[in-house]
Amino acid sequence: MSADLELGEDTGFQRRFWRIQRIAWAGFALVIVAALLGLTGAGGPLSRSVVRTPDGLIDSPRISRWSAAEELRFELSGRDGARIDLSPGFATHF
């Protein structure tokens, strides 16, 4: 009796398929980690950006989702004359 079954298996193809499958698993794992970190715009430690200036700070999302509500927060220091200027293009895009 032979140890090998003669089923017409293509072991080279099977090994290539397994290698591609492991690469896909690693890719899916990277996407999940990116989402957990907030790099997809849904929340997480890297989802927001805070810029501090002498006049205050700006808290904004790093990645915005299409047709989703976003919050852009400004905190102004107590200095006189501090103002916020937004370009007309800002309203067009947001």
Protein backbone atom coordinates (compact mmCIF):
# COMPACT_ATOMS: atom_id res chain seq x y z
CA MET A 1 0.00 0.00 0.00
CA SER A 2 1.38 3.41 -0.96
CA ALA A 3 1.70 6.24 1.61
CA ASP A 4 0.60 8.79 -0.98
CA LEU A 5 -2.94 8.95 -2.25
CA GLU A 6 -3.08 9.53 -5.95
CA LEU A 7 -5.77 12.22 -6.06
CA GLY A 8 -4.23 14.45 -8.68
CA GLU A 9 -3.26 17.14 -6.17
CA ASP A 10 -1.21 20.10 -7.31
CA THR A 11 1.00 20.72 -4.27
CA GLY A 12 2.76 23.69 -5.90
CA PHE A 13 -0.57 25.43 -6.43
CA GLN A 14 -1.64 24.61 -2.87
CA ARG A 15 1.55 26.11 -1.42
CA ARG A 16 1.14 29.30 -3.51
CA PHE A 17 -2.49 29.55 -2.42
CA TRP A 18 -1.53 29.18 1.26
CA ARG A 19 1.17 31.85 0.88
CA ILE A 20 -1.33 34.29 -0.70
CA GLN A 21 -3.83 33.45 2.04
CA ARG A 22 -1.27 34.31 4.79
CA ILE A 23 -0.45 37.60 3.05
CA ALA A 24 -4.17 38.44 2.91
CA TRP A 25 -4.53 37.64 6.63
CA ALA A 26 -1.68 40.03 7.41
CA GLY A 27 -3.33 42.71 5.24
CA PHE A 28 -6.66 42.27 7.02
CA ALA A 29 -4.89 42.48 10.39
CA LEU A 30 -3.26 45.78 9.34
CA VAL A 31 -6.65 47.21 8.34
CA ILE A 32 -8.13 46.20 11.71
CA VAL A 33 -5.22 47.76 13.62
CA ALA A 34 -5.52 50.96 11.56
CA ALA A 35 -9.25 51.13 12.36
CA LEU A 36 -8.64 50.58 16.07
CA LEU A 37 -6.07 53.39 16.08
CA GLY A 38 -8.54 55.75 14.43
CA LEU A 39 -6.96 55.97 10.99
CA THR A 40 -10.31 55.30 9.30
CA GLY A 41 -11.96 58.37 10.81
CA ALA A 42 -14.27 56.55 13.20
CA GLY A 43 -12.61 57.39 16.51
CA GLY A 44 -9.53 56.19 18.33
CA PRO A 45 -6.32 57.70 19.67
CA LEU A 46 -5.08 58.90 16.25
CA SER A 47 -8.43 60.10 14.89
CA ARG A 48 -8.10 63.75 15.97
CA SER A 49 -5.46 66.43 15.52
CA VAL A 50 -4.84 69.21 18.02
CA VAL A 51 -2.82 72.25 16.93
CA ARG A 52 -1.74 74.70 19.64
CA THR A 53 -0.99 78.31 18.70
CA PRO A 54 -0.29 81.40 20.81
CA ASP A 55 -3.92 82.45 20.19
CA GLY A 56 -5.46 79.16 21.33
CA LEU A 57 -5.96 75.68 19.90
CA ILE A 58 -7.71 73.95 17.03
CA ASP A 59 -9.11 70.44 17.50
CA SER A 60 -10.07 68.78 14.21
CA PRO A 61 -10.51 65.28 12.76
CA ARG A 62 -7.50 63.86 10.90
CA ILE A 63 -9.72 61.98 8.46
CA SER A 64 -13.24 63.09 7.54
CA ARG A 65 -15.91 60.78 6.22
CA TRP A 66 -18.05 61.74 3.27
CA SER A 67 -21.48 63.08 4.34
CA ALA A 68 -20.75 62.52 8.04
CA ALA A 69 -21.09 65.14 10.74
CA GLU A 70 -17.74 66.34 12.07
CA GLU A 71 -16.79 68.64 14.90
CA LEU A 72 -14.17 71.34 14.46
CA ARG A 73 -13.39 72.98 17.81
CA PHE A 74 -11.58 76.28 18.40
CA GLU A 75 -10.48 77.50 21.82
CA LEU A 76 -9.27 81.09 21.85
CA SER A 77 -7.02 82.52 24.54
CA GLY A 78 -8.07 85.63 26.42
CA ARG A 79 -6.13 87.92 24.06
CA ASP A 80 -7.98 90.85 22.57
CA GLY A 81 -8.45 90.79 18.83
CA ALA A 82 -8.24 87.02 18.37
CA ARG A 83 -10.40 85.96 15.43
CA ILE A 84 -11.04 83.03 13.17
CA ASP A 85 -10.94 83.52 9.39
CA LEU A 86 -12.27 80.71 7.21
CA SER A 87 -11.88 80.84 3.46
CA PRO A 88 -14.90 80.54 1.14
CA GLY A 89 -13.48 77.21 -0.05
CA PHE A 90 -13.81 75.83 3.47
CA ALA A 91 -17.61 76.05 3.36
CA THR A 92 -17.63 74.51 -0.12
CA HIS A 93 -15.66 71.44 0.96
CA PHE A 94 -17.09 71.04 4.44
